[in-house]
Amino acid sequence: MHENVMDQPPAGGLPFVRKPHPAPTPPDKRAVLLSDPGFGRVFTDHMATISYADGKGWHDAKIAARAPLTMDPAAAVLHYSQQIFEGLKAYHTAEGGAVMFRPLENARRFQRSAERLAMPKLPEAAFVEACDQLVKIDRDWIPAGDGSLYLRPFMYASEVFLGVKPSSEYLFIVIASPVGSYFKSKDTAVSLWVSQELTRAAPGGTGAVKCGGNYAASLMAQLEAAQHGCEQVVFLDAVERRWIEELGGMNIFFVFDDGSMQTPPLDGTILPGITRASIIVLAKEGHNGARGALRVQSVVRRRRERAPPRDLRVRHRGGADADRPGQVPGRRVQHRQWRIERPDRGAAHRPD
């Protein structure tokens, strides 16, 4: 039987107790699972958890065997949807180690989401430490090659009550899943459907935070896209229905032949993607990057104004905030569909 291992308190002062899985997945079975993990279907042996209660604060941080949750049917999250989450990835390094992509930025965005939904802010150090501890104990689950270990931190209201008010108890959890490509299609492109009736978020709402309700509200439009043979949906603004905002699970960039690049601005209805911010920083070093509103009509107009064919390319980022941008040859919006080329079928994709 494994003994509990108490780590030294991290910068945030919250110590983690490690309780290794008593019967972890055998190496041969794990190898079979990692040979073709797909996306979000295979999970590692452990999970990180931290509890919160008013008057007690954050406590009981631990790494333990991944197991089902026990939840009362009157748990607040089931009725009032106080729930937020994040998505980031860990990768193998050339030196044989493992690294996460900008986890501190995920921690900060998690805090902003918590504030918007009247939830307690988990200290940045505790968020990063929970992810780091999980990667360390389940490092053997990181796929070789272009695969990665997708980390899903989330928090939900766990107090048992019926009544519209912020919960007094919460549970923060991090689970991990080895992943390959997010998209199931064997095609080399991502097809897009522009939704002109359904919108994702409105001014004053929760579009800029990462909560489950935003994604639930996008599913009907995603189904509409699938019915037209498209993998992703492009959402327009909720006021005029003509300004491009973002896709169902990722931000979008438009790149032109003159070296300029344009992406919708952050105005409270768009999730501030971490890869989005990274691309903008890198673009400033070698490209004329821009953050500005872009209409669907202006994309078509610019395509028509520039005589040479294939003058419009689109860079997109997949959402676990660690995906690689792809390009698309210039195409007019026909029947509200776009097609985006992906550079590498082996790259791991996860919409935000």
Foldseek 3Di string as FASTA:
>chain_A
DDDWDWDDQWPVRAIEIEDEEPDFDDPVVLVVCLVAVAPPPAFGQWKWKWKQFPPPGIHHTYIYGDDDDDADPQQPCVPPVLKFKAKWWWAADPVGHIDTDPLLVRLVLQQVQCVVSVHDRDDSRVSVVRVVVVCVSRVVNAHPDQKTKMKMWMKGGRDRDDDPDDHRMMMIMIIIGIHWANDPDPDQKAKEFEDQPAAQFAPPDQQQHGGPVSLVSCVVVCVVCVVVVGRKYWHAYPPPSWWTAAISFWWKKKAFPVQEIETEDCDRNHHPALLVVVVQVVCVVPGRYDYHIDTLVNLQVVCVVDPDFQGMWMWIAAQSSDGGTFIDGDDRQDNRMDMTGHDDSGHYGHGD
